[in-house]
């Protein structure tokens, strides 16, 4: 996020610096008023055109980055869903194994209340 702000600040600074520099150069150039106003107008049009080009480039890049971010987000979502399903399956297997061991021990000992999870995991 900070890089985006730095890039935007740089572009704004460049545009402002170019406009100020061009204006000062025109003001100090030995020309008549009419020629000076024409040059200033021409410079303003050039700056506006360049700003429009940069805006278009920024929009295009923004759309590209948005698409990339959406694709990556979808990949991560699918990965998380897959891993969650795997974990759920493994948990169900472990639970089933523990329950079957408890049942085996109950059948063997006949004391259902005395069997704890610690005993099952030790066996």
C-alpha atoms as a PDB file:
ATOM      1  CA  UNK A   1       0.000   0.000   0.000  1.00  0.00           C
ATOM      2  CA  UNK A   2       2.858   2.374   0.816  1.00  0.00           C
ATOM      3  CA  UNK A   3       4.461   1.744  -2.563  1.00  0.00           C
ATOM      4  CA  UNK A   4       1.237   2.756  -4.311  1.00  0.00           C
ATOM      5  CA  UNK A   5       1.125   6.051  -2.389  1.00  0.00           C
ATOM      6  CA  UNK A   6       4.798   6.742  -3.117  1.00  0.00           C
ATOM      7  CA  UNK A   7       4.247   6.122  -6.821  1.00  0.00           C
ATOM      8  CA  UNK A   8       1.200   8.375  -6.879  1.00  0.00           C
ATOM      9  CA  UNK A   9       3.046  11.092  -4.957  1.00  0.00           C
ATOM     10  CA  UNK A  10       5.948  10.851  -7.403  1.00  0.00           C
ATOM     11  CA  UNK A  11       3.630  11.211 -10.407  1.00  0.00           C
ATOM     12  CA  UNK A  12       1.790  14.170  -8.884  1.00  0.00           C
ATOM     13  CA  UNK A  13       5.102  15.808  -8.004  1.00  0.00           C
ATOM     14  CA  UNK A  14       6.414  15.234 -11.509  1.00  0.00           C
ATOM     15  CA  UNK A  15       3.332  16.788 -13.103  1.00  0.00           C
ATOM     16  CA  UNK A  16       3.396  19.789 -10.785  1.00  0.00           C
ATOM     17  CA  UNK A  17       7.157  20.231 -11.233  1.00  0.00           C
ATOM     18  CA  UNK A  18       6.855  20.036 -15.004  1.00  0.00           C
ATOM     19  CA  UNK A  19       4.035  22.581 -15.029  1.00  0.00           C
ATOM     20  CA  UNK A  20       5.897  25.007 -12.760  1.00  0.00           C
ATOM     21  CA  UNK A  21       9.157  24.561 -14.677  1.00  0.00           C
ATOM     22  CA  UNK A  22       7.471  25.084 -18.035  1.00  0.00           C
ATOM     23  CA  UNK A  23       5.609  28.147 -16.775  1.00  0.00           C
ATOM     24  CA  UNK A  24       8.782  29.715 -15.367  1.00  0.00           C
ATOM     25  CA  UNK A  25      10.692  29.023 -18.573  1.00  0.00           C
ATOM     26  CA  UNK A  26       7.959  30.663 -20.598  1.00  0.00           C
ATOM     27  CA  UNK A  27       7.696  33.655 -18.287  1.00  0.00           C
ATOM     28  CA  UNK A  28      11.388  34.390 -18.476  1.00  0.00           C
ATOM     29  CA  UNK A  29      11.735  33.809 -22.208  1.00  0.00           C
ATOM     30  CA  UNK A  30      11.986  36.979 -24.284  1.00  0.00           C
ATOM     31  CA  UNK A  31       8.669  36.813 -26.147  1.00  0.00           C
ATOM     32  CA  UNK A  32       5.719  39.052 -26.710  1.00  0.00           C
ATOM     33  CA  UNK A  33       2.590  38.645 -24.567  1.00  0.00           C
ATOM     34  CA  UNK A  34       0.647  36.999 -27.360  1.00  0.00           C
ATOM     35  CA  UNK A  35       3.391  34.458 -28.066  1.00  0.00           C
ATOM     36  CA  UNK A  36       3.805  33.798 -24.327  1.00  0.00           C
ATOM     37  CA  UNK A  37       0.073  33.133 -23.844  1.00  0.00           C
ATOM     38  CA  UNK A  38       0.103  30.794 -26.830  1.00  0.00           C
ATOM     39  CA  UNK A  39       3.074  28.908 -25.436  1.00  0.00           C
ATOM     40  CA  UNK A  40       1.439  28.670 -22.013  1.00  0.00           C
ATOM     41  CA  UNK A  41      -1.751  27.315 -23.575  1.00  0.00           C
ATOM     42  CA  UNK A  42       0.210  24.822 -25.635  1.00  0.00           C
ATOM     43  CA  UNK A  43       2.124  23.691 -22.540  1.00  0.00           C
ATOM     44  CA  UNK A  44      -1.125  23.310 -20.591  1.00  0.00           C
ATOM     45  CA  UNK A  45      -2.603  21.175 -23.369  1.00  0.00           C
ATOM     46  CA  UNK A  46       0.506  18.983 -23.424  1.00  0.00           C
ATOM     47  CA  UNK A  47       0.402  18.533 -19.636  1.00  0.00           C
ATOM     48  CA  UNK A  48      -3.322  17.681 -19.803  1.00  0.00           C
ATOM     49  CA  UNK A  49      -2.702  15.146 -22.576  1.00  0.00           C
ATOM     50  CA  UNK A  50       0.147  13.528 -20.680  1.00  0.00           C
ATOM     51  CA  UNK A  51      -1.946  13.368 -17.498  1.00  0.00           C
ATOM     52  CA  UNK A  52      -4.734  11.694 -19.470  1.00  0.00           C
ATOM     53  CA  UNK A  53      -2.270   9.124 -20.814  1.00  0.00           C
ATOM     54  CA  UNK A  54      -0.985   8.390 -17.301  1.00  0.00           C
ATOM     55  CA  UNK A  55      -4.555   8.086 -16.030  1.00  0.00           C
ATOM     56  CA  UNK A  56      -5.348   5.558 -18.755  1.00  0.00           C
ATOM     57  CA  UNK A  57      -2.198   3.585 -17.991  1.00  0.00           C
ATOM     58  CA  UNK A  58      -2.992   3.622 -14.278  1.00  0.00           C
ATOM     59  CA  UNK A  59      -6.531   2.372 -14.922  1.00  0.00           C
ATOM     60  CA  UNK A  60      -5.272  -0.422 -17.167  1.00  0.00           C
ATOM     61  CA  UNK A  61      -2.660  -1.506 -14.628  1.00  0.00           C
ATOM     62  CA  UNK A  62      -5.227  -1.282 -11.835  1.00  0.00           C
ATOM     63  CA  UNK A  63      -7.580  -3.599 -13.709  1.00  0.00           C
ATOM     64  CA  UNK A  64      -4.737  -6.039 -14.397  1.00  0.00           C
ATOM     65  CA  UNK A  65      -3.733  -6.071 -10.725  1.00  0.00           C
ATOM     66  CA  UNK A  66      -7.367  -6.504  -9.692  1.00  0.00           C
ATOM     67  CA  UNK A  67      -7.702  -9.529 -11.969  1.00  0.00           C
ATOM     68  CA  UNK A  68      -4.462 -11.017 -10.648  1.00  0.00           C
ATOM     69  CA  UNK A  69      -5.573 -10.447  -7.047  1.00  0.00           C
ATOM     70  CA  UNK A  70      -8.946 -12.086  -7.714  1.00  0.00           C
ATOM     71  CA  UNK A  71      -7.289 -15.102  -9.332  1.00  0.00           C
ATOM     72  CA  UNK A  72      -4.847 -15.503  -6.435  1.00  0.00           C
ATOM     73  CA  UNK A  73      -7.680 -15.090  -3.937  1.00  0.00           C
ATOM     74  CA  UNK A  74      -9.642 -17.832  -5.685  1.00  0.00           C
ATOM     75  CA  UNK A  75      -6.575 -20.113  -5.667  1.00  0.00           C
ATOM     76  CA  UNK A  76      -6.062 -19.554  -1.931  1.00  0.00           C
ATOM     77  CA  UNK A  77      -9.755 -20.114  -1.253  1.00  0.00           C
ATOM     78  CA  UNK A  78      -9.689 -23.422  -3.136  1.00  0.00           C
ATOM     79  CA  UNK A  79      -6.475 -24.456  -1.362  1.00  0.00           C
ATOM     80  CA  UNK A  80      -7.953 -23.638   2.048  1.00  0.00           C
ATOM     81  CA  UNK A  81     -11.162 -25.501   1.223  1.00  0.00           C
ATOM     82  CA  UNK A  82      -9.182 -28.549   0.084  1.00  0.00           C
ATOM     83  CA  UNK A  83      -6.982 -28.575   3.184  1.00  0.00           C
ATOM     84  CA  UNK A  84     -10.038 -28.074   5.397  1.00  0.00           C
ATOM     85  CA  UNK A  85     -11.719 -31.084   3.796  1.00  0.00           C
ATOM     86  CA  UNK A  86      -8.583 -33.174   4.258  1.00  0.00           C
ATOM     87  CA  UNK A  87      -8.365 -32.151   7.915  1.00  0.00           C
ATOM     88  CA  UNK A  88     -12.033 -32.928   8.447  1.00  0.00           C
ATOM     89  CA  UNK A  89     -11.564 -36.367   6.892  1.00  0.00           C
ATOM     90  CA  UNK A  90      -8.503 -37.106   9.039  1.00  0.00           C
ATOM     91  CA  UNK A  91     -10.346 -35.961  12.157  1.00  0.00           C
ATOM     92  CA  UNK A  92     -13.232 -38.270  11.315  1.00  0.00           C
ATOM     93  CA  UNK A  93     -10.794 -41.165  10.814  1.00  0.00           C
ATOM     94  CA  UNK A  94      -9.097 -40.539  14.159  1.00  0.00           C
ATOM     95  CA  UNK A  95     -12.448 -40.257  15.912  1.00  0.00           C
ATOM     96  CA  UNK A  96     -13.619 -43.496  14.303  1.00  0.00           C
ATOM     97  CA  UNK A  97     -10.392 -45.273  15.305  1.00  0.00           C
ATOM     98  CA  UNK A  98     -10.658 -44.073  18.898  1.00  0.00           C
ATOM     99  CA  UNK A  99     -14.296 -45.124  19.101  1.00  0.00           C
ATOM    100  CA  UNK A 100     -13.517 -48.584  17.734  1.00  0.00           C
ATOM    101  CA  UNK A 101     -10.649 -48.991  20.219  1.00  0.00           C
ATOM    102  CA  UNK A 102     -12.934 -47.955  23.057  1.00  0.00           C
ATOM    103  CA  UNK A 103     -15.493 -50.484  21.894  1.00  0.00           C
ATOM    104  CA  UNK A 104     -12.821 -53.195  21.685  1.00  0.00           C
ATOM    105  CA  UNK A 105     -11.657 -52.407  25.213  1.00  0.00           C
ATOM    106  CA  UNK A 106     -15.232 -52.415  26.512  1.00  0.00           C
ATOM    107  CA  UNK A 107     -15.836 -55.787  24.945  1.00  0.00           C
ATOM    108  CA  UNK A 108     -12.578 -57.118  26.369  1.00  0.00           C
ATOM    109  CA  UNK A 109     -12.860 -55.713  29.915  1.00  0.00           C
ATOM    110  CA  UNK A 110     -16.603 -55.344  30.334  1.00  0.00           C
ATOM    111  CA  UNK A 111     -16.125 -52.079  32.322  1.00  0.00           C
ATOM    112  CA  UNK A 112     -17.374 -49.317  30.016  1.00  0.00           C
ATOM    113  CA  UNK A 113     -17.204 -46.548  32.625  1.00  0.00           C
ATOM    114  CA  UNK A 114     -13.583 -47.146  33.615  1.00  0.00           C
ATOM    115  CA  UNK A 115     -12.081 -46.723  30.139  1.00  0.00           C
ATOM    116  CA  UNK A 116     -10.631 -43.267  29.452  1.00  0.00           C
ATOM    117  CA  UNK A 117      -9.243 -41.654  26.329  1.00  0.00           C
ATOM    118  CA  UNK A 118      -5.740 -41.893  27.844  1.00  0.00           C
ATOM    119  CA  UNK A 119      -6.022 -45.638  28.092  1.00  0.00           C
ATOM    120  CA  UNK A 120      -7.171 -45.842  24.484  1.00  0.00           C
ATOM    121  CA  UNK A 121      -4.259 -43.797  23.210  1.00  0.00           C
ATOM    122  CA  UNK A 122      -1.777 -45.896  25.219  1.00  0.00           C
ATOM    123  CA  UNK A 123      -3.019 -49.126  23.657  1.00  0.00           C
END
